[in-house]
Amino acid sequence: MSEKHFVYMILTSKGTLYCGYTDDVEKRFNEHLSGKGAKYTRAFKPVKVVYTKEFSSKSEALKEEYRIKHKLSRKQKLELINS
């Protein structure tokens, strides 16, 4: 069985977007909901997963997570979600 790697974005209760990496989106979202996720999602309650993209390697996924977090504006993130 090959590993799966995902980049995901979560919409928070404040209308902000949180981007992360995981190998299991549903499990990771539940961790965010239970307060065991990132510090950011403990402060801004997660509402729903609004974007996922699967990658064949962890390296590719982490590069995309970095690009989304550090290179894209909010407008560009919303365009990515809506594409």
N, C-alpha and C. Protein backbone atom coordinates (compact mmCIF):
# COMPACT_ATOMS: atom_id res chain seq x y z
N MET A 1 0.84 -1.20 0.00
CA MET A 1 0.00 0.00 0.00
C MET A 1 0.88 1.25 0.00
N SER A 2 0.64 2.12 -0.95
CA SER A 2 1.46 3.33 -1.02
C SER A 2 0.89 4.40 -0.09
N GLU A 3 1.80 5.17 0.45
CA GLU A 3 1.38 6.25 1.35
C GLU A 3 0.74 7.38 0.57
N LYS A 4 -0.19 8.03 1.21
CA LYS A 4 -0.83 9.20 0.61
C LYS A 4 -0.42 10.42 1.41
N HIS A 5 -0.26 11.51 0.72
CA HIS A 5 0.16 12.76 1.34
C HIS A 5 -0.77 13.86 0.84
N PHE A 6 -1.25 14.67 1.77
CA PHE A 6 -2.23 15.69 1.43
C PHE A 6 -1.84 17.06 1.98
N VAL A 7 -2.19 18.09 1.21
CA VAL A 7 -2.20 19.46 1.69
C VAL A 7 -3.69 19.79 1.82
N TYR A 8 -4.04 20.47 2.89
CA TYR A 8 -5.44 20.80 3.11
C TYR A 8 -5.55 22.23 3.64
N MET A 9 -6.74 22.81 3.44
CA MET A 9 -7.05 24.11 4.05
C MET A 9 -8.36 23.98 4.79
N ILE A 10 -8.38 24.59 5.96
CA ILE A 10 -9.56 24.60 6.83
C ILE A 10 -10.05 26.03 6.95
N LEU A 11 -11.36 26.20 6.85
CA LEU A 11 -11.99 27.48 7.13
C LEU A 11 -12.26 27.52 8.62
N THR A 12 -11.89 28.63 9.28
CA THR A 12 -12.12 28.76 10.72
C THR A 12 -13.36 29.60 11.01
N SER A 13 -13.76 29.60 12.27
CA SER A 13 -14.95 30.35 12.68
C SER A 13 -14.79 31.85 12.50
N LYS A 14 -13.56 32.32 12.40
CA LYS A 14 -13.30 33.75 12.17
C LYS A 14 -13.20 34.08 10.69
N GLY A 15 -13.40 33.07 9.83
CA GLY A 15 -13.34 33.29 8.39
C GLY A 15 -11.92 33.24 7.83
N THR A 16 -10.96 32.84 8.66
CA THR A 16 -9.58 32.73 8.19
C THR A 16 -9.34 31.33 7.64
N LEU A 17 -8.22 31.17 6.94
CA LEU A 17 -7.85 29.88 6.36
C LEU A 17 -6.60 29.35 7.04
N TYR A 18 -6.62 28.07 7.38
CA TYR A 18 -5.45 27.40 7.93
C TYR A 18 -5.02 26.33 6.95
N CYS A 19 -3.74 26.29 6.62
CA CYS A 19 -3.20 25.32 5.68
C CYS A 19 -2.28 24.36 6.42
N GLY A 20 -2.36 23.07 6.07
CA GLY A 20 -1.50 22.09 6.71
C GLY A 20 -1.22 20.90 5.81
N TYR A 21 -0.39 20.00 6.33
CA TYR A 21 -0.02 18.75 5.66
C TYR A 21 -0.46 17.58 6.53
N THR A 22 -0.88 16.49 5.91
CA THR A 22 -1.22 15.27 6.65
C THR A 22 -1.20 14.06 5.72
N ASP A 23 -1.25 12.88 6.31
CA ASP A 23 -1.43 11.67 5.52
C ASP A 23 -2.86 11.14 5.67
N ASP A 24 -3.68 11.82 6.48
CA ASP A 24 -5.07 11.42 6.70
C ASP A 24 -5.89 12.68 7.04
N VAL A 25 -6.57 13.22 6.05
CA VAL A 25 -7.27 14.51 6.22
C VAL A 25 -8.37 14.43 7.28
N GLU A 26 -9.18 13.39 7.23
CA GLU A 26 -10.29 13.27 8.19
C GLU A 26 -9.77 13.18 9.63
N LYS A 27 -8.77 12.35 9.84
CA LYS A 27 -8.18 12.20 11.19
C LYS A 27 -7.58 13.52 11.66
N ARG A 28 -6.87 14.20 10.76
CA ARG A 28 -6.23 15.46 11.14
C ARG A 28 -7.27 16.53 11.45
N PHE A 29 -8.35 16.61 10.67
CA PHE A 29 -9.40 17.58 10.94
C PHE A 29 -10.02 17.32 12.31
N ASN A 30 -10.24 16.04 12.64
CA ASN A 30 -10.79 15.71 13.95
C ASN A 30 -9.84 16.10 15.07
N GLU A 31 -8.54 16.00 14.83
CA GLU A 31 -7.55 16.46 15.82
C GLU A 31 -7.68 17.97 16.02
N HIS A 32 -7.85 18.71 14.92
CA HIS A 32 -8.05 20.16 15.04
C HIS A 32 -9.33 20.46 15.83
N LEU A 33 -10.40 19.74 15.54
CA LEU A 33 -11.67 19.95 16.24
C LEU A 33 -11.56 19.68 17.73
N SER A 34 -10.77 18.68 18.10
CA SER A 34 -10.66 18.30 19.51
C SER A 34 -9.63 19.14 20.27
N GLY A 35 -8.99 20.11 19.57
CA GLY A 35 -8.01 20.96 20.24
C GLY A 35 -6.62 20.37 20.25
N LYS A 36 -6.41 19.25 19.57
CA LYS A 36 -5.09 18.60 19.53
C LYS A 36 -4.35 18.92 18.24
N GLY A 37 -4.89 19.80 17.43
CA GLY A 37 -4.24 20.18 16.17
C GLY A 37 -3.25 21.29 16.43
N ALA A 38 -3.18 22.20 15.50
CA ALA A 38 -2.24 23.32 15.59
C ALA A 38 -2.70 24.36 16.60
N LYS A 39 -1.74 25.11 17.11
CA LYS A 39 -2.04 26.21 18.03
C LYS A 39 -3.04 27.18 17.40
N TYR A 40 -2.88 27.42 16.10
CA TYR A 40 -3.76 28.35 15.39
C TYR A 40 -5.22 27.90 15.45
N THR A 41 -5.46 26.60 15.25
CA THR A 41 -6.85 26.12 15.25
C THR A 41 -7.40 25.92 16.65
N ARG A 42 -6.56 26.04 17.66
CA ARG A 42 -7.08 26.09 19.03
C ARG A 42 -7.61 27.50 19.31
N ALA A 43 -6.98 28.50 18.70
CA ALA A 43 -7.41 29.89 18.89
C ALA A 43 -8.60 30.24 17.98
N PHE A 44 -8.59 29.70 16.76
CA PHE A 44 -9.64 29.97 15.78
C PHE A 44 -10.28 28.64 15.41
N LYS A 45 -11.45 28.36 15.98
CA LYS A 45 -12.11 27.07 15.85
C LYS A 45 -12.31 26.66 14.38
N PRO A 46 -11.89 25.44 14.02
CA PRO A 46 -12.09 24.98 12.65
C PRO A 46 -13.56 24.70 12.36
N VAL A 47 -13.99 25.06 11.15
CA VAL A 47 -15.38 24.85 10.74
C VAL A 47 -15.47 23.68 9.76
N LYS A 48 -14.69 23.76 8.67
CA LYS A 48 -14.73 22.68 7.69
C LYS A 48 -13.48 22.69 6.82
N VAL A 49 -13.19 21.54 6.24
CA VAL A 49 -12.10 21.43 5.27
C VAL A 49 -12.63 21.96 3.95
N VAL A 50 -11.94 22.94 3.38
CA VAL A 50 -12.42 23.56 2.15
C VAL A 50 -11.54 23.23 0.95
N TYR A 51 -10.39 22.56 1.19
CA TYR A 51 -9.48 22.24 0.09
C TYR A 51 -8.61 21.06 0.47
N THR A 52 -8.46 20.12 -0.44
CA THR A 52 -7.47 19.05 -0.27
C THR A 52 -6.84 18.77 -1.63
N LYS A 53 -5.58 18.41 -1.59
CA LYS A 53 -4.88 17.98 -2.80
C LYS A 53 -3.94 16.87 -2.41
N GLU A 54 -4.00 15.78 -3.17
CA GLU A 54 -3.17 14.61 -2.88
C GLU A 54 -1.86 14.65 -3.66
N PHE A 55 -0.79 14.19 -3.01
CA PHE A 55 0.54 14.12 -3.62
C PHE A 55 1.11 12.73 -3.45
N SER A 56 2.01 12.35 -4.35
CA SER A 56 2.61 11.02 -4.28
C SER A 56 3.79 10.96 -3.32
N SER A 57 4.32 12.12 -2.93
CA SER A 57 5.43 12.12 -1.97
C SER A 57 5.22 13.19 -0.90
N LYS A 58 5.78 12.91 0.27
CA LYS A 58 5.70 13.87 1.37
C LYS A 58 6.42 15.16 0.98
N SER A 59 7.54 15.03 0.31
CA SER A 59 8.32 16.19 -0.11
C SER A 59 7.50 17.14 -0.99
N GLU A 60 6.81 16.58 -1.97
CA GLU A 60 5.97 17.40 -2.86
C GLU A 60 4.87 18.12 -2.07
N ALA A 61 4.24 17.38 -1.16
CA ALA A 61 3.15 17.94 -0.37
C ALA A 61 3.65 19.07 0.52
N LEU A 62 4.80 18.87 1.16
CA LEU A 62 5.34 19.91 2.04
C LEU A 62 5.76 21.15 1.26
N LYS A 63 6.26 20.96 0.05
CA LYS A 63 6.61 22.11 -0.79
C LYS A 63 5.37 22.91 -1.15
N GLU A 64 4.28 22.20 -1.46
CA GLU A 64 3.03 22.89 -1.79
C GLU A 64 2.44 23.58 -0.56
N GLU A 65 2.53 22.94 0.60
CA GLU A 65 2.05 23.58 1.84
C GLU A 65 2.81 24.89 2.06
N TYR A 66 4.12 24.85 1.89
CA TYR A 66 4.94 26.05 2.07
C TYR A 66 4.52 27.13 1.08
N ARG A 67 4.33 26.73 -0.19
CA ARG A 67 3.94 27.70 -1.22
C ARG A 67 2.61 28.36 -0.87
N ILE A 68 1.64 27.57 -0.45
CA ILE A 68 0.33 28.12 -0.10
C ILE A 68 0.44 29.05 1.10
N LYS A 69 1.14 28.61 2.14
CA LYS A 69 1.24 29.41 3.37
C LYS A 69 2.02 30.70 3.18
N HIS A 70 3.10 30.64 2.43
CA HIS A 70 4.04 31.76 2.40
C HIS A 70 4.07 32.57 1.10
N LYS A 71 3.50 32.03 0.04
CA LYS A 71 3.60 32.71 -1.25
C LYS A 71 2.25 33.22 -1.77
N LEU A 72 1.16 32.62 -1.33
CA LEU A 72 -0.15 32.99 -1.86
C LEU A 72 -0.87 33.99 -0.96
N SER A 73 -1.51 34.95 -1.59
CA SER A 73 -2.36 35.89 -0.86
C SER A 73 -3.67 35.19 -0.52
N ARG A 74 -4.46 35.80 0.35
CA ARG A 74 -5.78 35.23 0.68
C ARG A 74 -6.61 35.07 -0.59
N LYS A 75 -6.56 36.07 -1.45
CA LYS A 75 -7.32 36.02 -2.72
C LYS A 75 -6.88 34.82 -3.55
N GLN A 76 -5.59 34.59 -3.63
CA GLN A 76 -5.07 33.46 -4.40
C GLN A 76 -5.46 32.13 -3.77
N LYS A 77 -5.48 32.08 -2.44
CA LYS A 77 -5.91 30.86 -1.74
C LYS A 77 -7.38 30.57 -2.05
N LEU A 78 -8.22 31.61 -2.03
CA LEU A 78 -9.64 31.44 -2.35
C LEU A 78 -9.83 30.98 -3.78
N GLU A 79 -9.01 31.51 -4.70
CA GLU A 79 -9.07 31.09 -6.11
C GLU A 79 -8.69 29.62 -6.23
N LEU A 80 -7.69 29.19 -5.48
CA LEU A 80 -7.25 27.79 -5.48
C LEU A 80 -8.38 26.89 -4.97
N ILE A 81 -9.03 27.31 -3.89
CA ILE A 81 -10.14 26.55 -3.31
C ILE A 81 -11.28 26.41 -4.33
N ASN A 82 -11.55 27.49 -5.06
CA ASN A 82 -12.67 27.52 -6.00
C ASN A 82 -12.36 26.92 -7.36
N SER A 83 -11.11 26.55 -7.60
CA SER A 83 -10.75 26.00 -8.92
C SER A 83 -11.04 24.51 -9.01
